[in-house]
PDB file of N, CA and C in Angstrom:
ATOM      1  N   MET A   1       0.563  25.332  -1.171  1.00  0.00           N
ATOM      2  CA  MET A   1      -0.853  25.616  -0.399  1.00  0.00           C
ATOM      3  C   MET A   1      -1.927  24.991  -1.337  1.00  0.00           C
ATOM      4  N   PRO A   2      -2.650  24.013  -1.003  1.00  0.00           N
ATOM      5  CA  PRO A   2      -3.994  23.846  -2.070  1.00  0.00           C
ATOM      6  C   PRO A   2      -4.765  26.084  -2.452  1.00  0.00           C
ATOM      7  N   ILE A   3      -5.142  25.828  -4.296  1.00  0.00           N
ATOM      8  CA  ILE A   3      -6.140  26.890  -4.115  1.00  0.00           C
ATOM      9  C   ILE A   3      -7.587  26.449  -3.711  1.00  0.00           C
ATOM     10  N   GLY A   4      -7.522  27.987  -3.145  1.00  0.00           N
ATOM     11  CA  GLY A   4      -8.993  27.846  -2.388  1.00  0.00           C
ATOM     12  C   GLY A   4      -9.814  29.349  -2.645  1.00  0.00           C
ATOM     13  N   LEU A   5     -10.677  29.723  -0.993  1.00  0.00           N
ATOM     14  CA  LEU A   5     -11.734  31.018  -0.810  1.00  0.00           C
ATOM     15  C   LEU A   5     -10.380  32.079   0.037  1.00  0.00           C
ATOM     16  N   THR A   6     -10.733  32.978  -0.340  1.00  0.00           N
ATOM     17  CA  THR A   6     -10.349  33.264   0.836  1.00  0.00           C
ATOM     18  C   THR A   6     -11.281  35.064   1.644  1.00  0.00           C
ATOM     19  N   CYS A   7     -11.626  34.784   2.973  1.00  0.00           N
ATOM     20  CA  CYS A   7     -12.537  35.475   2.964  1.00  0.00           C
ATOM     21  C   CYS A   7     -12.236  36.183   4.521  1.00  0.00           C
ATOM     22  N   THR A   8     -12.664  36.783   4.801  1.00  0.00           N
ATOM     23  CA  THR A   8     -12.960  37.685   5.847  1.00  0.00           C
ATOM     24  C   THR A   8     -14.601  37.816   6.949  1.00  0.00           C
ATOM     25  N   ALA A   9     -14.265  37.751   8.050  1.00  0.00           N
ATOM     26  CA  ALA A   9     -15.560  37.718   8.628  1.00  0.00           C
ATOM     27  C   ALA A   9     -15.397  38.823  10.111  1.00  0.00           C
ATOM     28  N   ASN A  10     -16.395  39.634  10.527  1.00  0.00           N
ATOM     29  CA  ASN A  10     -16.984  40.304  11.357  1.00  0.00           C
ATOM     30  C   ASN A  10     -17.589  40.109  12.419  1.00  0.00           C
ATOM     31  N   LEU A  11     -17.264  39.790  13.327  1.00  0.00           N
ATOM     32  CA  LEU A  11     -18.514  39.486  14.565  1.00  0.00           C
ATOM     33  C   LEU A  11     -19.031  40.220  15.874  1.00  0.00           C
ATOM     34  N   ALA A  12     -19.815  40.477  15.900  1.00  0.00           N
ATOM     35  CA  ALA A  12     -19.993  41.591  17.358  1.00  0.00           C
ATOM     36  C   ALA A  12     -20.050  40.778  18.078  1.00  0.00           C
ATOM     37  N   LEU A  13     -19.371  41.064  19.706  1.00  0.00           N
ATOM     38  CA  LEU A  13     -19.449  40.784  20.616  1.00  0.00           C
ATOM     39  C   LEU A  13     -20.281  41.466  21.299  1.00  0.00           C
ATOM     40  N   SER A  14     -20.371  40.689  23.057  1.00  0.00           N
ATOM     41  CA  SER A  14     -21.413  41.362  23.725  1.00  0.00           C
ATOM     42  C   SER A  14     -20.502  42.756  23.854  1.00  0.00           C
ATOM     43  N   GLY A  15     -21.377  43.827  25.168  1.00  0.00           N
ATOM     44  CA  GLY A  15     -20.613  44.901  25.746  1.00  0.00           C
ATOM     45  C   GLY A  15     -19.639  45.144  24.284  1.00  0.00           C
ATOM     46  N   GLY A  16     -20.288  45.634  22.772  1.00  0.00           N
ATOM     47  CA  GLY A  16     -20.009  46.440  22.011  1.00  0.00           C
ATOM     48  C   GLY A  16     -18.641  45.923  21.086  1.00  0.00           C
ATOM     49  N   ARG A  17     -17.900  45.101  21.732  1.00  0.00           N
ATOM     50  CA  ARG A  17     -16.739  45.251  20.751  1.00  0.00           C
ATOM     51  C   ARG A  17     -17.144  44.063  20.163  1.00  0.00           C
ATOM     52  N   SER A  18     -15.984  43.808  18.917  1.00  0.00           N
ATOM     53  CA  SER A  18     -16.019  43.087  18.403  1.00  0.00           C
ATOM     54  C   SER A  18     -14.654  42.339  17.455  1.00  0.00           C
ATOM     55  N   VAL A  19     -14.642  41.045  16.297  1.00  0.00           N
ATOM     56  CA  VAL A  19     -13.266  40.890  16.119  1.00  0.00           C
ATOM     57  C   VAL A  19     -14.146  40.287  14.812  1.00  0.00           C
ATOM     58  N   GLU A  20     -12.508  40.943  14.205  1.00  0.00           N
ATOM     59  CA  GLU A  20     -12.486  40.294  13.011  1.00  0.00           C
ATOM     60  C   GLU A  20     -11.671  39.439  12.306  1.00  0.00           C
ATOM     61  N   TYR A  21     -11.621  38.140  11.655  1.00  0.00           N
ATOM     62  CA  TYR A  21     -10.535  37.736  11.134  1.00  0.00           C
ATOM     63  C   TYR A  21     -10.504  37.456   9.820  1.00  0.00           C
ATOM     64  N   ASP A  22      -9.456  36.769   8.930  1.00  0.00           N
ATOM     65  CA  ASP A  22      -9.460  36.222   7.825  1.00  0.00           C
ATOM     66  C   ASP A  22      -8.914  34.952   7.822  1.00  0.00           C
ATOM     67  N   TYR A  23      -9.626  34.381   7.123  1.00  0.00           N
ATOM     68  CA  TYR A  23      -9.582  32.636   6.504  1.00  0.00           C
ATOM     69  C   TYR A  23      -9.716  31.941   5.314  1.00  0.00           C
ATOM     70  N   ARG A  24      -9.228  31.005   5.163  1.00  0.00           N
ATOM     71  CA  ARG A  24      -9.117  30.581   3.491  1.00  0.00           C
ATOM     72  C   ARG A  24      -9.697  28.788   3.986  1.00  0.00           C
ATOM     73  N   ILE A  25     -10.528  28.760   3.138  1.00  0.00           N
ATOM     74  CA  ILE A  25     -11.442  27.930   3.127  1.00  0.00           C
ATOM     75  C   ILE A  25     -10.633  26.786   1.596  1.00  0.00           C
ATOM     76  N   PHE A  26     -10.382  25.736   1.655  1.00  0.00           N
ATOM     77  CA  PHE A  26      -9.676  24.693   0.862  1.00  0.00           C
ATOM     78  C   PHE A  26      -9.606  23.377   1.005  1.00  0.00           C
ATOM     79  N   LYS A  27      -9.997  22.595  -0.241  1.00  0.00           N
ATOM     80  CA  LYS A  27     -10.313  21.163  -0.687  1.00  0.00           C
ATOM     81  C   LYS A  27      -8.322  20.822  -0.758  1.00  0.00           C
ATOM     82  N   GLU A  28      -8.244  19.741   0.227  1.00  0.00           N
ATOM     83  CA  GLU A  28      -7.776  19.506   0.514  1.00  0.00           C
ATOM     84  C   GLU A  28      -7.455  17.582   0.718  1.00  0.00           C
ATOM     85  N   ASP A  29      -6.733  16.413  -0.046  1.00  0.00           N
ATOM     86  CA  ASP A  29      -6.598  14.971   0.258  1.00  0.00           C
ATOM     87  C   ASP A  29      -8.728  14.631   0.442  1.00  0.00           C
ATOM     88  N   SER A  30      -9.020  15.548  -0.468  1.00  0.00           N
ATOM     89  CA  SER A  30     -11.040  15.835  -0.726  1.00  0.00           C
ATOM     90  C   SER A  30     -11.490  15.222   0.376  1.00  0.00           C
ATOM     91  N   LYS A  31     -10.323  16.500   1.184  1.00  0.00           N
ATOM     92  CA  LYS A  31     -11.501  17.035   2.244  1.00  0.00           C
ATOM     93  C   LYS A  31     -11.126  18.759   2.448  1.00  0.00           C
ATOM     94  N   LEU A  32     -12.464  19.267   2.897  1.00  0.00           N
ATOM     95  CA  LEU A  32     -12.848  20.335   3.379  1.00  0.00           C
ATOM     96  C   LEU A  32     -12.198  21.109   3.997  1.00  0.00           C
ATOM     97  N   LYS A  33     -11.092  21.758   4.172  1.00  0.00           N
ATOM     98  CA  LYS A  33     -10.390  22.929   5.191  1.00  0.00           C
ATOM     99  C   LYS A  33     -10.550  24.224   5.504  1.00  0.00           C
ATOM    100  N   VAL A  34     -10.815  24.220   6.754  1.00  0.00           N
ATOM    101  CA  VAL A  34     -10.421  25.735   6.891  1.00  0.00           C
ATOM    102  C   VAL A  34      -9.504  26.316   8.276  1.00  0.00           C
ATOM    103  N   LEU A  35      -8.412  27.282   7.549  1.00  0.00           N
ATOM    104  CA  LEU A  35      -7.917  27.735   7.964  1.00  0.00           C
ATOM    105  C   LEU A  35      -7.676  29.368   7.959  1.00  0.00           C
ATOM    106  N   ILE A  36      -7.633  29.556  10.218  1.00  0.00           N
ATOM    107  CA  ILE A  36      -7.435  30.821  10.155  1.00  0.00           C
ATOM    108  C   ILE A  36      -6.462  31.373   9.227  1.00  0.00           C
ATOM    109  N   THR A  37      -6.423  33.024   9.119  1.00  0.00           N
ATOM    110  CA  THR A  37      -4.936  33.235   9.073  1.00  0.00           C
ATOM    111  C   THR A  37      -4.111  34.169   9.860  1.00  0.00           C
ATOM    112  N   ASN A  38      -5.710  35.116  10.290  1.00  0.00           N
ATOM    113  CA  ASN A  38      -5.475  36.320  11.045  1.00  0.00           C
ATOM    114  C   ASN A  38      -6.295  36.997  11.899  1.00  0.00           C
ATOM    115  N   ILE A  39      -6.304  37.057  13.218  1.00  0.00           N
ATOM    116  CA  ILE A  39      -6.847  37.624  14.204  1.00  0.00           C
ATOM    117  C   ILE A  39      -6.872  38.750  14.646  1.00  0.00           C
ATOM    118  N   ARG A  40      -7.664  40.125  13.859  1.00  0.00           N
ATOM    119  CA  ARG A  40      -7.859  41.133  14.682  1.00  0.00           C
ATOM    120  C   ARG A  40      -9.076  41.911  15.729  1.00  0.00           C
ATOM    121  N   ARG A  41      -8.543  42.658  16.692  1.00  0.00           N
ATOM    122  CA  ARG A  41      -9.572  42.798  17.824  1.00  0.00           C
ATOM    123  C   ARG A  41      -9.634  43.819  18.665  1.00  0.00           C
TER     124      ARG A  41
END
């Protein structure tokens, strides 16, 4: 897999709930790509 950034985002949802997900941002074949690797609810 190409080298890239590993990130985590936490989104607040209505009703006081939230979702957190891990994702990678990388460049492949001259294109910027995002891959979600894990989701926690």
